[in-house]
Amino acid sequence: METKLNEKRMEKVRGRCGFASGIEVGVTRSKDGLSVGWKGEYVVQLRSFSTNHIDVEILKKEGISAWRLT
C-alpha cells in the first residue's frame, strides 16, 4: 500500500491490521512511502526495493515458491 506515514507509524498501523510481519520503504520528503504486510503462515523473501517498488517472493512454509509480488 502507498503511505505518507514514516516507518515507525506504519509498523503500528500494520500491527493494528493483524499483520505480524512487513516491509516498509520510508517516506522521502513529500513523496509517498510503500508498505507490504503479511501474516505468519508464509515466508517472504525481499528481492529488491526502491522508493517506487517492493519486490518479494512469497514461499510456503516448506520453502516451495508460491508466487511473486512486485
PDB file of N, CA and C in Angstrom:
ATOM      1  N   MET A   1       0.833  -1.165   0.000  1.00  0.00           N
ATOM      2  CA  MET A   1       0.000   0.000   0.000  1.00  0.00           C
ATOM      3  C   MET A   1       0.883   1.235   0.000  1.00  0.00           C
ATOM      4  N   GLU A   2       0.396   2.307  -0.574  1.00  0.00           N
ATOM      5  CA  GLU A   2       1.112   3.576  -0.515  1.00  0.00           C
ATOM      6  C   GLU A   2       0.793   4.248   0.810  1.00  0.00           C
ATOM      7  N   THR A   3       1.755   4.960   1.334  1.00  0.00           N
ATOM      8  CA  THR A   3       1.553   5.625   2.612  1.00  0.00           C
ATOM      9  C   THR A   3       2.380   6.892   2.701  1.00  0.00           C
ATOM     10  N   LYS A   4       1.914   7.851   3.472  1.00  0.00           N
ATOM     11  CA  LYS A   4       2.697   9.047   3.771  1.00  0.00           C
ATOM     12  C   LYS A   4       3.204   8.995   5.212  1.00  0.00           C
ATOM     13  N   LEU A   5       3.021   7.859   5.866  1.00  0.00           N
ATOM     14  CA  LEU A   5       3.474   7.683   7.239  1.00  0.00           C
ATOM     15  C   LEU A   5       4.938   7.279   7.264  1.00  0.00           C
ATOM     16  N   ASN A   6       5.636   7.666   8.338  1.00  0.00           N
ATOM     17  CA  ASN A   6       7.008   7.193   8.470  1.00  0.00           C
ATOM     18  C   ASN A   6       6.995   5.713   8.872  1.00  0.00           C
ATOM     19  N   GLU A   7       8.154   5.089   8.830  1.00  0.00           N
ATOM     20  CA  GLU A   7       8.243   3.641   9.059  1.00  0.00           C
ATOM     21  C   GLU A   7       7.703   3.228  10.425  1.00  0.00           C
ATOM     22  N   LYS A   8       8.012   3.984  11.459  1.00  0.00           N
ATOM     23  CA  LYS A   8       7.574   3.633  12.814  1.00  0.00           C
ATOM     24  C   LYS A   8       6.043   3.668  12.929  1.00  0.00           C
ATOM     25  N   ARG A   9       5.416   4.708  12.383  1.00  0.00           N
ATOM     26  CA  ARG A   9       3.955   4.807  12.425  1.00  0.00           C
ATOM     27  C   ARG A   9       3.304   3.731  11.558  1.00  0.00           C
ATOM     28  N   MET A  10       3.932   3.399  10.434  1.00  0.00           N
ATOM     29  CA  MET A  10       3.373   2.360   9.569  1.00  0.00           C
ATOM     30  C   MET A  10       3.430   0.998  10.241  1.00  0.00           C
ATOM     31  N   GLU A  11       4.471   0.733  11.034  1.00  0.00           N
ATOM     32  CA  GLU A  11       4.550  -0.517  11.796  1.00  0.00           C
ATOM     33  C   GLU A  11       3.362  -0.641  12.743  1.00  0.00           C
ATOM     34  N   LYS A  12       2.977   0.460  13.386  1.00  0.00           N
ATOM     35  CA  LYS A  12       1.824   0.445  14.295  1.00  0.00           C
ATOM     36  C   LYS A  12       0.538   0.145  13.537  1.00  0.00           C
ATOM     37  N   VAL A  13       0.354   0.773  12.384  1.00  0.00           N
ATOM     38  CA  VAL A  13      -0.839   0.523  11.565  1.00  0.00           C
ATOM     39  C   VAL A  13      -0.876  -0.936  11.128  1.00  0.00           C
ATOM     40  N   ARG A  14       0.259  -1.445  10.677  1.00  0.00           N
ATOM     41  CA  ARG A  14       0.347  -2.841  10.239  1.00  0.00           C
ATOM     42  C   ARG A  14      -0.050  -3.783  11.373  1.00  0.00           C
ATOM     43  N   GLY A  15       0.422  -3.518  12.576  1.00  0.00           N
ATOM     44  CA  GLY A  15       0.077  -4.347  13.727  1.00  0.00           C
ATOM     45  C   GLY A  15      -1.408  -4.307  14.053  1.00  0.00           C
ATOM     46  N   ARG A  16      -2.013  -3.124  13.963  1.00  0.00           N
ATOM     47  CA  ARG A  16      -3.452  -2.999  14.216  1.00  0.00           C
ATOM     48  C   ARG A  16      -4.277  -3.735  13.166  1.00  0.00           C
ATOM     49  N   CYS A  17      -3.738  -3.897  11.975  1.00  0.00           N
ATOM     50  CA  CYS A  17      -4.436  -4.621  10.899  1.00  0.00           C
ATOM     51  C   CYS A  17      -4.229  -6.129  10.999  1.00  0.00           C
ATOM     52  N   GLY A  18      -3.421  -6.582  11.957  1.00  0.00           N
ATOM     53  CA  GLY A  18      -3.228  -8.008  12.174  1.00  0.00           C
ATOM     54  C   GLY A  18      -2.083  -8.638  11.408  1.00  0.00           C
ATOM     55  N   PHE A  19      -1.221  -7.818  10.803  1.00  0.00           N
ATOM     56  CA  PHE A  19      -0.080  -8.352  10.073  1.00  0.00           C
ATOM     57  C   PHE A  19       1.110  -8.445  11.016  1.00  0.00           C
ATOM     58  N   ALA A  20       1.622  -9.659  11.204  1.00  0.00           N
ATOM     59  CA  ALA A  20       2.724  -9.886  12.135  1.00  0.00           C
ATOM     60  C   ALA A  20       4.054  -9.386  11.588  1.00  0.00           C
ATOM     61  N   SER A  21       4.207  -9.390  10.270  1.00  0.00           N
ATOM     62  CA  SER A  21       5.472  -9.020   9.644  1.00  0.00           C
ATOM     63  C   SER A  21       5.220  -8.046   8.510  1.00  0.00           C
ATOM     64  N   GLY A  22       6.278  -7.357   8.099  1.00  0.00           N
ATOM     65  CA  GLY A  22       6.116  -6.438   6.982  1.00  0.00           C
ATOM     66  C   GLY A  22       7.411  -5.762   6.592  1.00  0.00           C
ATOM     67  N   ILE A  23       7.333  -5.056   5.482  1.00  0.00           N
ATOM     68  CA  ILE A  23       8.458  -4.285   4.958  1.00  0.00           C
ATOM     69  C   ILE A  23       7.944  -2.885   4.669  1.00  0.00           C
ATOM     70  N   GLU A  24       8.654  -1.886   5.144  1.00  0.00           N
ATOM     71  CA  GLU A  24       8.313  -0.504   4.856  1.00  0.00           C
ATOM     72  C   GLU A  24       9.470   0.173   4.152  1.00  0.00           C
ATOM     73  N   VAL A  25       9.160   0.921   3.117  1.00  0.00           N
ATOM     74  CA  VAL A  25      10.125   1.794   2.461  1.00  0.00           C
ATOM     75  C   VAL A  25       9.676   3.192   2.829  1.00  0.00           C
ATOM     76  N   GLY A  26      10.495   3.888   3.607  1.00  0.00           N
ATOM     77  CA  GLY A  26      10.094   5.143   4.219  1.00  0.00           C
ATOM     78  C   GLY A  26       9.807   6.284   3.260  1.00  0.00           C
ATOM     79  N   VAL A  27       9.091   7.248   3.790  1.00  0.00           N
ATOM     80  CA  VAL A  27       8.744   8.462   3.061  1.00  0.00           C
ATOM     81  C   VAL A  27      10.000   9.299   2.867  1.00  0.00           C
ATOM     82  N   THR A  28      10.192   9.815   1.653  1.00  0.00           N
ATOM     83  CA  THR A  28      11.296  10.716   1.354  1.00  0.00           C
ATOM     84  C   THR A  28      10.704  12.087   1.066  1.00  0.00           C
ATOM     85  N   ARG A  29      10.940  13.015   1.946  1.00  0.00           N
ATOM     86  CA  ARG A  29      10.353  14.361   1.853  1.00  0.00           C
ATOM     87  C   ARG A  29       8.841  14.260   1.711  1.00  0.00           C
ATOM     88  N   SER A  30       8.269  14.780   0.647  1.00  0.00           N
ATOM     89  CA  SER A  30       6.809  14.743   0.490  1.00  0.00           C
ATOM     90  C   SER A  30       6.338  13.569  -0.358  1.00  0.00           C
ATOM     91  N   LYS A  31       7.266  12.704  -0.785  1.00  0.00           N
ATOM     92  CA  LYS A  31       6.884  11.565  -1.620  1.00  0.00           C
ATOM     93  C   LYS A  31       6.242  10.473  -0.776  1.00  0.00           C
ATOM     94  N   ASP A  32       5.446   9.657  -1.438  1.00  0.00           N
ATOM     95  CA  ASP A  32       4.786   8.546  -0.758  1.00  0.00           C
ATOM     96  C   ASP A  32       5.776   7.444  -0.419  1.00  0.00           C
ATOM     97  N   GLY A  33       5.528   6.772   0.702  1.00  0.00           N
ATOM     98  CA  GLY A  33       6.276   5.582   1.057  1.00  0.00           C
ATOM     99  C   GLY A  33       5.482   4.354   0.625  1.00  0.00           C
ATOM    100  N   LEU A  34       6.068   3.174   0.809  1.00  0.00           N
ATOM    101  CA  LEU A  34       5.411   1.920   0.459  1.00  0.00           C
ATOM    102  C   LEU A  34       5.475   0.965   1.638  1.00  0.00           C
ATOM    103  N   SER A  35       4.474   0.107   1.740  1.00  0.00           N
ATOM    104  CA  SER A  35       4.450  -0.887   2.800  1.00  0.00           C
ATOM    105  C   SER A  35       3.765  -2.148   2.290  1.00  0.00           C
ATOM    106  N   VAL A  36       4.268  -3.286   2.712  1.00  0.00           N
ATOM    107  CA  VAL A  36       3.604  -4.567   2.445  1.00  0.00           C
ATOM    108  C   VAL A  36       3.639  -5.357   3.754  1.00  0.00           C
ATOM    109  N   GLY A  37       2.508  -5.948   4.123  1.00  0.00           N
ATOM    110  CA  GLY A  37       2.423  -6.710   5.364  1.00  0.00           C
ATOM    111  C   GLY A  37       1.873  -8.099   5.101  1.00  0.00           C
ATOM    112  N   TRP A  38       2.188  -9.050   6.002  1.00  0.00           N
ATOM    113  CA  TRP A  38       1.701 -10.413   5.849  1.00  0.00           C
ATOM    114  C   TRP A  38       1.603 -11.076   7.205  1.00  0.00           C
ATOM    115  N   LYS A  39       0.822 -12.137   7.232  1.00  0.00           N
ATOM    116  CA  LYS A  39       0.655 -12.928   8.450  1.00  0.00           C
ATOM    117  C   LYS A  39       1.684 -14.045   8.458  1.00  0.00           C
ATOM    118  N   GLY A  40       1.852 -14.709   9.589  1.00  0.00           N
ATOM    119  CA  GLY A  40       2.943 -15.645   9.801  1.00  0.00           C
ATOM    120  C   GLY A  40       2.935 -16.939   9.024  1.00  0.00           C
ATOM    121  N   GLU A  41       1.877 -17.240   8.275  1.00  0.00           N
ATOM    122  CA  GLU A  41       1.823 -18.535   7.600  1.00  0.00           C
ATOM    123  C   GLU A  41       2.696 -18.623   6.355  1.00  0.00           C
ATOM    124  N   TYR A  42       3.308 -17.518   5.951  1.00  0.00           N
ATOM    125  CA  TYR A  42       4.166 -17.500   4.765  1.00  0.00           C
ATOM    126  C   TYR A  42       5.556 -16.976   5.118  1.00  0.00           C
ATOM    127  N   VAL A  43       6.524 -17.351   4.311  1.00  0.00           N
ATOM    128  CA  VAL A  43       7.871 -16.798   4.402  1.00  0.00           C
ATOM    129  C   VAL A  43       8.013 -15.855   3.217  1.00  0.00           C
ATOM    130  N   VAL A  44       8.399 -14.611   3.478  1.00  0.00           N
ATOM    131  CA  VAL A  44       8.520 -13.607   2.422  1.00  0.00           C
ATOM    132  C   VAL A  44       9.978 -13.199   2.316  1.00  0.00           C
ATOM    133  N   GLN A  45      10.546 -13.366   1.123  1.00  0.00           N
ATOM    134  CA  GLN A  45      11.941 -13.000   0.884  1.00  0.00           C
ATOM    135  C   GLN A  45      11.979 -11.724   0.055  1.00  0.00           C
ATOM    136  N   LEU A  46      12.660 -10.721   0.578  1.00  0.00           N
ATOM    137  CA  LEU A  46      12.816  -9.459  -0.135  1.00  0.00           C
ATOM    138  C   LEU A  46      13.827  -9.645  -1.252  1.00  0.00           C
ATOM    139  N   ARG A  47      13.413  -9.361  -2.485  1.00  0.00           N
ATOM    140  CA  ARG A  47      14.304  -9.476  -3.647  1.00  0.00           C
ATOM    141  C   ARG A  47      14.983  -8.140  -3.926  1.00  0.00           C
ATOM    142  N   SER A  48      14.193  -7.068  -3.967  1.00  0.00           N
ATOM    143  CA  SER A  48      14.743  -5.726  -4.170  1.00  0.00           C
ATOM    144  C   SER A  48      13.694  -4.704  -3.758  1.00  0.00           C
ATOM    145  N   PHE A  49      14.137  -3.452  -3.583  1.00  0.00           N
ATOM    146  CA  PHE A  49      13.195  -2.382  -3.264  1.00  0.00           C
ATOM    147  C   PHE A  49      13.809  -1.047  -3.636  1.00  0.00           C
ATOM    148  N   SER A  50      12.954  -0.074  -3.816  1.00  0.00           N
ATOM    149  CA  SER A  50      13.356   1.316  -4.007  1.00  0.00           C
ATOM    150  C   SER A  50      12.200   2.166  -3.497  1.00  0.00           C
ATOM    151  N   THR A  51      12.279   3.467  -3.710  1.00  0.00           N
ATOM    152  CA  THR A  51      11.168   4.325  -3.300  1.00  0.00           C
ATOM    153  C   THR A  51       9.942   4.108  -4.178  1.00  0.00           C
ATOM    154  N   ASN A  52      10.092   3.387  -5.289  1.00  0.00           N
ATOM    155  CA  ASN A  52       8.983   3.167  -6.220  1.00  0.00           C
ATOM    156  C   ASN A  52       8.433   1.746  -6.234  1.00  0.00           C
ATOM    157  N   HIS A  53       9.137   0.783  -5.647  1.00  0.00           N
ATOM    158  CA  HIS A  53       8.644  -0.591  -5.680  1.00  0.00           C
ATOM    159  C   HIS A  53       9.214  -1.427  -4.537  1.00  0.00           C
ATOM    160  N   ILE A  54       8.495  -2.497  -4.213  1.00  0.00           N
ATOM    161  CA  ILE A  54       8.969  -3.550  -3.317  1.00  0.00           C
ATOM    162  C   ILE A  54       8.760  -4.857  -4.075  1.00  0.00           C
ATOM    163  N   ASP A  55       9.804  -5.653  -4.228  1.00  0.00           N
ATOM    164  CA  ASP A  55       9.744  -6.917  -4.959  1.00  0.00           C
ATOM    165  C   ASP A  55      10.032  -8.044  -3.972  1.00  0.00           C
ATOM    166  N   VAL A  56       9.048  -8.924  -3.747  1.00  0.00           N
ATOM    167  CA  VAL A  56       9.214 -10.029  -2.803  1.00  0.00           C
ATOM    168  C   VAL A  56       8.802 -11.344  -3.449  1.00  0.00           C
ATOM    169  N   GLU A  57       9.401 -12.425  -2.961  1.00  0.00           N
ATOM    170  CA  GLU A  57       8.995 -13.777  -3.330  1.00  0.00           C
ATOM    171  C   GLU A  57       8.313 -14.376  -2.109  1.00  0.00           C
ATOM    172  N   ILE A  58       7.126 -14.908  -2.306  1.00  0.00           N
ATOM    173  CA  ILE A  58       6.330 -15.447  -1.208  1.00  0.00           C
ATOM    174  C   ILE A  58       6.412 -16.966  -1.271  1.00  0.00           C
ATOM    175  N   LEU A  59       6.855 -17.565  -0.155  1.00  0.00           N
ATOM    176  CA  LEU A  59       7.070 -19.013  -0.088  1.00  0.00           C
ATOM    177  C   LEU A  59       6.108 -19.642   0.905  1.00  0.00           C
ATOM    178  N   LYS A  60       5.730 -20.869   0.622  1.00  0.00           N
ATOM    179  CA  LYS A  60       5.012 -21.645   1.621  1.00  0.00           C
ATOM    180  C   LYS A  60       6.029 -22.054   2.674  1.00  0.00           C
ATOM    181  N   LYS A  61       5.573 -22.445   3.843  1.00  0.00           N
ATOM    182  CA  LYS A  61       6.498 -22.791   4.924  1.00  0.00           C
ATOM    183  C   LYS A  61       7.480 -23.886   4.541  1.00  0.00           C
ATOM    184  N   GLU A  62       7.113 -24.748   3.609  1.00  0.00           N
ATOM    185  CA  GLU A  62       8.004 -25.833   3.195  1.00  0.00           C
ATOM    186  C   GLU A  62       9.137 -25.321   2.316  1.00  0.00           C
ATOM    187  N   GLY A  63       9.146 -24.023   1.990  1.00  0.00           N
ATOM    188  CA  GLY A  63      10.185 -23.457   1.146  1.00  0.00           C
ATOM    189  C   GLY A  63       9.857 -23.508  -0.335  1.00  0.00           C
ATOM    190  N   ILE A  64       8.647 -23.937  -0.660  1.00  0.00           N
ATOM    191  CA  ILE A  64       8.213 -24.009  -2.056  1.00  0.00           C
ATOM    192  C   ILE A  64       7.720 -22.632  -2.478  1.00  0.00           C
ATOM    193  N   SER A  65       8.202 -22.162  -3.623  1.00  0.00           N
ATOM    194  CA  SER A  65       7.805 -20.851  -4.111  1.00  0.00           C
ATOM    195  C   SER A  65       6.325 -20.848  -4.469  1.00  0.00           C
ATOM    196  N   ALA A  66       5.576 -19.937  -3.871  1.00  0.00           N
ATOM    197  CA  ALA A  66       4.144 -19.848  -4.127  1.00  0.00           C
ATOM    198  C   ALA A  66       3.850 -18.801  -5.200  1.00  0.00           C
ATOM    199  N   TRP A  67       4.375 -17.603  -5.031  1.00  0.00           N
ATOM    200  CA  TRP A  67       4.193 -16.559  -6.028  1.00  0.00           C
ATOM    201  C   TRP A  67       5.138 -15.405  -5.763  1.00  0.00           C
ATOM    202  N   ARG A  68       5.112 -14.430  -6.650  1.00  0.00           N
ATOM    203  CA  ARG A  68       5.975 -13.260  -6.545  1.00  0.00           C
ATOM    204  C   ARG A  68       5.110 -12.012  -6.583  1.00  0.00           C
ATOM    205  N   LEU A  69       5.446 -11.033  -5.773  1.00  0.00           N
ATOM    206  CA  LEU A  69       4.699  -9.781  -5.686  1.00  0.00           C
ATOM    207  C   LEU A  69       5.657  -8.634  -5.932  1.00  0.00           C
ATOM    208  N   THR A  70       5.336  -7.783  -6.886  1.00  0.00           N
ATOM    209  CA  THR A  70       6.158  -6.613  -7.192  1.00  0.00           C
ATOM    210  C   THR A  70       5.305  -5.378  -7.123  1.00  0.00           C
TER     211      THR A  70
END
